[in-house]
Every structure is written in C-alpha cells, then in structure tokens.
Amino acid sequence: MNLRGRNKVSPEFSMSSMTDIVFLLLIFFMLTSPVITPEALDLILPKAKGKTTNKQNVSVSITKDLKYYVDGEQVPLKNLETALKSKLNGVEQPTVILRAEKDVILQKAVDVMSIANDNKYKLVLAVKPN
C-alpha cells in the first residue's frame, strides 16, 4: 500500500514572473516621466552662481528661435503683457521667472523685464547653477 501524498510542494522559487513585472513597471515609468514634467520646454540656460528661494507664480520662457511661452503655452510678444496680467490677477507679490536660452538676444529678455517693471511684478532670471 502506497501512503505517500500525491501533491508535493516544490521548494524552488521562480523569479521570472517577478522580473517580468519589474521590467514592465520600468518601461511604464520611462515612457510616462517626460509627460509629467511641469516645464516641458528644453532650454539651455546660462550658468551663474547663486540660488533663489522665491515662490514662482508665472514662468516666461524664450526659446532660441524667439518664441515666447507663459507657463508652457506659446504666446506672441504683443500678447505677452495681457497673458501675464490674466495669470497674475489678484496675486499678492506677483513674481515672474524669466527663462531665456543663453543664445537669445539680450533685447528680447529686456522686453520681458520692461513688461514686468511696468506692471510692478518682481522678476527673477532663471539660470543653470555652476
């Protein structure tokens, strides 16, 4: 008479299913990470020393082909002041972060500075730390 049990539990553990799950999660995060960045413009900023702790209210970006963006939305220069006023309406101590690529003509950055100065907005120039 055979009294052995038919179901034997194998003490071996297969990692293949675990590695499949980890691999799929890695691919998912690699594909979705560019989507969740708040500032999607890839600008090459000038380098400088120092650090700012100002709270950012609105970001104005100028690309090397002279396109203006307010918080990631493209805006023509003639409508820039209107866009800033609508974004900063009712904000205490409004602050504008100016992100201009290093190859942008200085006059274009000065135009944005002038708009901020006329409306009494605090302006901070974003730079790449050394």
Protein backbone atom coordinates (compact mmCIF):
# COMPACT_ATOMS: atom_id res chain seq x y z
CA MET A 1 0.00 0.00 0.00
CA ASN A 2 1.34 3.38 -1.09
CA LEU A 3 0.71 6.04 1.62
CA ARG A 4 2.63 8.92 0.08
CA GLY A 5 0.77 12.09 -0.77
CA ARG A 6 0.22 12.91 -4.39
CA ASN A 7 0.75 16.68 -4.09
CA LYS A 8 4.30 17.61 -3.36
CA VAL A 9 5.16 21.28 -2.92
CA SER A 10 8.31 22.23 -4.71
CA PRO A 11 10.64 24.37 -2.56
CA GLU A 12 12.05 26.13 -5.63
CA PHE A 13 11.05 29.73 -6.38
CA SER A 14 10.96 31.11 -9.91
CA MET A 15 11.95 34.77 -10.26
CA SER A 16 10.91 35.03 -13.91
CA SER A 17 7.41 36.35 -13.21
CA MET A 18 8.79 38.91 -10.73
CA THR A 19 11.36 40.18 -13.23
CA ASP A 20 8.67 40.49 -15.89
CA ILE A 21 6.60 42.73 -13.61
CA VAL A 22 9.60 44.88 -12.67
CA PHE A 23 10.58 45.21 -16.32
CA LEU A 24 7.05 46.32 -17.29
CA LEU A 25 6.98 48.87 -14.47
CA LEU A 26 10.35 50.23 -15.56
CA ILE A 27 9.12 50.68 -19.14
CA PHE A 28 5.92 52.34 -17.92
CA PHE A 29 7.77 54.91 -15.79
CA MET A 30 10.31 55.61 -18.54
CA LEU A 31 7.51 56.34 -21.00
CA THR A 32 5.39 58.48 -18.67
CA SER A 33 8.12 60.54 -16.97
CA PRO A 34 8.53 63.09 -19.83
CA VAL A 35 4.77 63.67 -19.77
CA ILE A 36 4.62 64.72 -16.12
CA THR A 37 7.36 67.35 -16.16
CA PRO A 38 5.81 70.73 -15.39
CA GLU A 39 8.01 72.70 -17.73
CA ALA A 40 8.25 70.77 -20.99
CA LEU A 41 10.48 73.28 -22.79
CA ASP A 42 14.06 72.12 -23.13
CA LEU A 43 16.02 75.34 -22.71
CA ILE A 44 19.76 75.69 -22.31
CA LEU A 45 20.03 78.32 -19.58
CA PRO A 46 23.06 80.50 -18.91
CA LYS A 47 25.25 79.48 -15.97
CA ALA A 48 25.67 81.53 -12.79
CA LYS A 49 26.36 81.16 -9.10
CA GLY A 50 23.66 81.72 -6.53
CA LYS A 51 20.30 80.35 -5.59
CA THR A 52 16.81 81.78 -5.34
CA THR A 53 14.08 80.82 -2.92
CA ASN A 54 11.29 82.88 -4.46
CA LYS A 55 7.90 81.33 -4.96
CA GLN A 56 7.21 81.03 -8.66
CA ASN A 57 3.91 82.48 -9.80
CA VAL A 58 4.40 82.59 -13.58
CA SER A 59 7.18 81.33 -15.81
CA VAL A 60 8.06 83.14 -19.06
CA SER A 61 10.34 81.21 -21.41
CA ILE A 62 12.10 82.47 -24.53
CA THR A 63 13.49 79.90 -26.96
CA LYS A 64 16.43 80.49 -29.28
CA ASP A 65 14.02 80.87 -32.23
CA LEU A 66 12.34 83.74 -30.30
CA LYS A 67 9.11 82.01 -29.31
CA TYR A 68 7.58 83.15 -26.03
CA TYR A 69 5.86 80.76 -23.61
CA VAL A 70 3.86 81.63 -20.48
CA ASP A 71 3.68 78.56 -18.23
CA GLY A 72 4.27 76.32 -21.24
CA GLU A 73 1.68 77.95 -23.54
CA GLN A 74 3.01 79.76 -26.60
CA VAL A 75 2.11 83.46 -26.63
CA PRO A 76 3.08 86.12 -29.21
CA LEU A 77 5.16 89.02 -27.83
CA LYS A 78 2.36 91.52 -28.45
CA ASN A 79 0.00 89.47 -26.21
CA LEU A 80 2.60 88.71 -23.52
CA GLU A 81 1.59 91.56 -21.21
CA THR A 82 -2.09 90.59 -21.42
CA ALA A 83 -1.28 86.95 -20.67
CA LEU A 84 0.82 87.93 -17.65
CA LYS A 85 -1.91 90.22 -16.32
CA SER A 86 -4.52 87.47 -16.59
CA LYS A 87 -2.27 84.90 -14.86
CA LEU A 88 -1.19 87.25 -12.05
CA ASN A 89 -4.54 88.94 -11.44
CA GLY A 90 -5.17 89.12 -7.69
CA VAL A 91 -1.85 87.53 -6.69
CA GLU A 92 -0.01 89.04 -3.75
CA GLN A 93 3.62 89.82 -4.56
CA PRO A 94 3.47 88.59 -8.16
CA THR A 95 6.71 87.05 -9.37
CA VAL A 96 7.75 86.28 -12.94
CA ILE A 97 10.51 83.74 -13.59
CA LEU A 98 12.29 84.58 -16.85
CA ARG A 99 13.84 81.55 -18.53
CA ALA A 100 15.73 82.68 -21.63
CA GLU A 101 18.11 80.43 -23.53
CA LYS A 102 21.71 81.56 -23.48
CA ASP A 103 21.73 82.38 -27.22
CA VAL A 104 18.72 84.74 -27.03
CA ILE A 105 19.41 88.37 -27.86
CA LEU A 106 19.52 90.45 -24.69
CA GLN A 107 16.92 92.90 -26.03
CA LYS A 108 14.28 90.16 -26.05
CA ALA A 109 14.87 89.48 -22.35
CA VAL A 110 14.82 93.22 -21.66
CA ASP A 111 11.40 93.45 -23.35
CA VAL A 112 10.00 90.96 -20.82
CA MET A 113 11.77 92.80 -17.98
CA SER A 114 10.18 96.04 -19.13
CA ILE A 115 6.70 94.48 -19.09
CA ALA A 116 7.32 93.17 -15.56
CA ASN A 117 8.65 96.56 -14.42
CA ASP A 118 5.68 98.47 -15.90
CA ASN A 119 3.24 96.22 -14.02
CA LYS A 120 5.32 96.18 -10.81
CA TYR A 121 5.97 92.44 -10.97
CA LYS A 122 9.05 91.02 -9.31
CA LEU A 123 11.26 89.43 -11.97
CA VAL A 124 13.76 86.65 -11.40
CA LEU A 125 16.13 85.45 -14.10
CA ALA A 126 16.47 81.66 -14.13
CA VAL A 127 19.99 80.32 -14.61
CA LYS A 128 21.71 76.97 -14.58
CA PRO A 129 23.80 76.51 -11.41
CA ASN A 130 27.55 76.06 -11.85
